[in-house]
C-alpha atoms as a PDB file:
ATOM      1  CA  MET A   1      -8.798  -3.810  -2.958  1.00  0.00           C
ATOM      2  CA  SER A   2      -9.685  -3.584  -6.643  1.00  0.00           C
ATOM      3  CA  VAL A   3      -7.975  -6.896  -7.344  1.00  0.00           C
ATOM      4  CA  PHE A   4      -9.968  -8.551  -4.544  1.00  0.00           C
ATOM      5  CA  GLY A   5     -13.168  -7.012  -5.944  1.00  0.00           C
ATOM      6  CA  PHE A   6     -12.239  -8.240  -9.419  1.00  0.00           C
ATOM      7  CA  VAL A   7     -11.652 -11.820  -8.292  1.00  0.00           C
ATOM      8  CA  ASN A   8     -14.755 -11.813  -6.085  1.00  0.00           C
ATOM      9  CA  SER A   9     -17.066 -10.377  -8.737  1.00  0.00           C
ATOM     10  CA  ILE A  10     -15.864 -12.769 -11.436  1.00  0.00           C
ATOM     11  CA  PHE A  11     -15.535 -16.086  -9.678  1.00  0.00           C
ATOM     12  CA  PHE A  12     -17.950 -15.834  -6.745  1.00  0.00           C
ATOM     13  CA  ASP A  13     -20.653 -13.180  -7.287  1.00  0.00           C
ATOM     14  CA  GLN A  14     -20.788 -13.446 -11.100  1.00  0.00           C
ATOM     15  CA  SER A  15     -21.611  -9.743 -11.501  1.00  0.00           C
ATOM     16  CA  ILE A  16     -20.643  -8.126 -14.805  1.00  0.00           C
ATOM     17  CA  PHE A  17     -21.168  -4.591 -13.497  1.00  0.00           C
ATOM     18  CA  PHE A  18     -18.874  -5.029 -10.504  1.00  0.00           C
ATOM     19  CA  ALA A  19     -16.298  -6.911 -12.583  1.00  0.00           C
ATOM     20  CA  LEU A  20     -16.057  -4.078 -15.112  1.00  0.00           C
ATOM     21  CA  THR A  21     -15.875  -1.490 -12.339  1.00  0.00           C
ATOM     22  CA  SER A  22     -13.072  -3.410 -10.652  1.00  0.00           C
ATOM     23  CA  ILE A  23     -11.124  -3.817 -13.896  1.00  0.00           C
ATOM     24  CA  ALA A  24     -11.291  -0.081 -14.545  1.00  0.00           C
ATOM     25  CA  GLY A  25     -10.220   0.556 -10.944  1.00  0.00           C
ATOM     26  CA  ILE A  26      -7.195  -1.720 -11.273  1.00  0.00           C
ATOM     27  CA  PHE A  27      -5.901   0.108 -14.343  1.00  0.00           C
ATOM     28  CA  THR A  28      -6.627   3.513 -12.810  1.00  0.00           C
ATOM     29  CA  PHE A  29      -4.731   2.656  -9.640  1.00  0.00           C
ATOM     30  CA  LEU A  30      -1.828   1.327 -11.705  1.00  0.00           C
ATOM     31  CA  PHE A  31      -1.692   4.706 -13.445  1.00  0.00           C
ATOM     32  CA  ALA A  32      -1.783   6.510 -10.098  1.00  0.00           C
ATOM     33  CA  PHE A  33       0.928   4.199  -8.751  1.00  0.00           C
ATOM     34  CA  GLU A  34       3.212   5.135 -11.652  1.00  0.00           C
ATOM     35  CA  ASN A  35       2.478   8.866 -11.185  1.00  0.00           C
ATOM     36  CA  PRO A  36       2.137   9.531  -7.448  1.00  0.00           C
ATOM     37  CA  LYS A  37       2.756  13.282  -7.823  1.00  0.00           C
ATOM     38  CA  LEU A  38      -0.634  13.623  -9.526  1.00  0.00           C
ATOM     39  CA  LEU A  39      -2.341  12.818  -6.244  1.00  0.00           C
ATOM     40  CA  LEU A  40      -0.364  15.535  -4.458  1.00  0.00           C
ATOM     41  CA  SER A  41      -1.448  18.379  -6.734  1.00  0.00           C
ATOM     42  CA  SER A  42      -2.815  21.394  -4.891  1.00  0.00           C
ATOM     43  CA  SER A  43      -4.694  22.965  -7.815  1.00  0.00           C
ATOM     44  CA  TRP A  44      -6.238  22.001 -11.134  1.00  0.00           C
ATOM     45  CA  LYS A  45      -3.562  23.952 -12.962  1.00  0.00           C
ATOM     46  CA  GLU A  46      -0.792  22.011 -11.235  1.00  0.00           C
ATOM     47  CA  PHE A  47      -2.669  18.761 -11.878  1.00  0.00           C
ATOM     48  CA  GLY A  48      -2.938  19.612 -15.591  1.00  0.00           C
ATOM     49  CA  GLU A  49       0.772  20.335 -15.824  1.00  0.00           C
ATOM     50  CA  ARG A  50       1.607  17.028 -14.163  1.00  0.00           C
ATOM     51  CA  VAL A  51      -0.773  15.089 -16.390  1.00  0.00           C
ATOM     52  CA  ASP A  52       0.965  16.494 -19.471  1.00  0.00           C
ATOM     53  CA  VAL A  53       4.242  14.851 -18.418  1.00  0.00           C
ATOM     54  CA  ALA A  54       2.711  11.714 -16.859  1.00  0.00           C
ATOM     55  CA  THR A  55       3.772   8.281 -18.033  1.00  0.00           C
ATOM     56  CA  GLY A  56       1.448   5.388 -18.795  1.00  0.00           C
ATOM     57  CA  LYS A  57      -1.527   7.401 -20.089  1.00  0.00           C
ATOM     58  CA  GLU A  58      -2.538   4.409 -22.192  1.00  0.00           C
ATOM     59  CA  LYS A  59      -3.625   2.631 -18.998  1.00  0.00           C
ATOM     60  CA  ILE A  60      -6.445   5.158 -18.662  1.00  0.00           C
ATOM     61  CA  THR A  61      -7.509   5.145 -22.317  1.00  0.00           C
ATOM     62  CA  GLY A  62      -7.176   1.377 -22.629  1.00  0.00           C
ATOM     63  CA  THR A  63      -4.379  -1.022 -23.432  1.00  0.00           C
ATOM     64  CA  PRO A  64      -4.728  -4.375 -25.147  1.00  0.00           C
ATOM     65  CA  TRP A  65      -4.463  -5.947 -21.673  1.00  0.00           C
ATOM     66  CA  TYR A  66      -7.471  -3.917 -20.534  1.00  0.00           C
ATOM     67  CA  TYR A  67      -9.652  -5.030 -23.428  1.00  0.00           C
ATOM     68  CA  ALA A  68      -8.511  -8.649 -23.109  1.00  0.00           C
ATOM     69  CA  THR A  69      -9.284  -8.639 -19.384  1.00  0.00           C
ATOM     70  CA  VAL A  70     -12.741  -7.203 -19.984  1.00  0.00           C
ATOM     71  CA  PHE A  71     -13.465  -9.662 -22.792  1.00  0.00           C
ATOM     72  CA  PHE A  72     -12.392 -12.765 -20.897  1.00  0.00           C
ATOM     73  CA  ALA A  73     -14.058 -11.680 -17.661  1.00  0.00           C
ATOM     74  CA  VAL A  74     -17.418 -11.115 -19.362  1.00  0.00           C
ATOM     75  CA  LEU A  75     -17.016 -14.300 -21.389  1.00  0.00           C
ATOM     76  CA  TYR A  76     -16.290 -16.314 -18.247  1.00  0.00           C
ATOM     77  CA  ILE A  77     -19.296 -14.854 -16.420  1.00  0.00           C
ATOM     78  CA  MET A  78     -21.609 -15.512 -19.372  1.00  0.00           C
ATOM     79  CA  LEU A  79     -20.429 -19.080 -19.922  1.00  0.00           C
ATOM     80  CA  VAL A  80     -20.322 -20.229 -16.301  1.00  0.00           C
END
């Protein structure tokens, strides 16, 4: 759904706000896809323990792909 929102907000609606929200959603869902046990935590303590051993934390804080996607999406919207 986030990918559809990303494509729609960039190429059809031309909305920077929705494009940036969709980009963040894509990377967040990729992180959750790599760590499905985080979503099954029953308490904050258990969630914290699972986050400590989670893989792919750089997807949440920002990878070069994240910044490149944001840059080119905003650039495309501004130029078109």
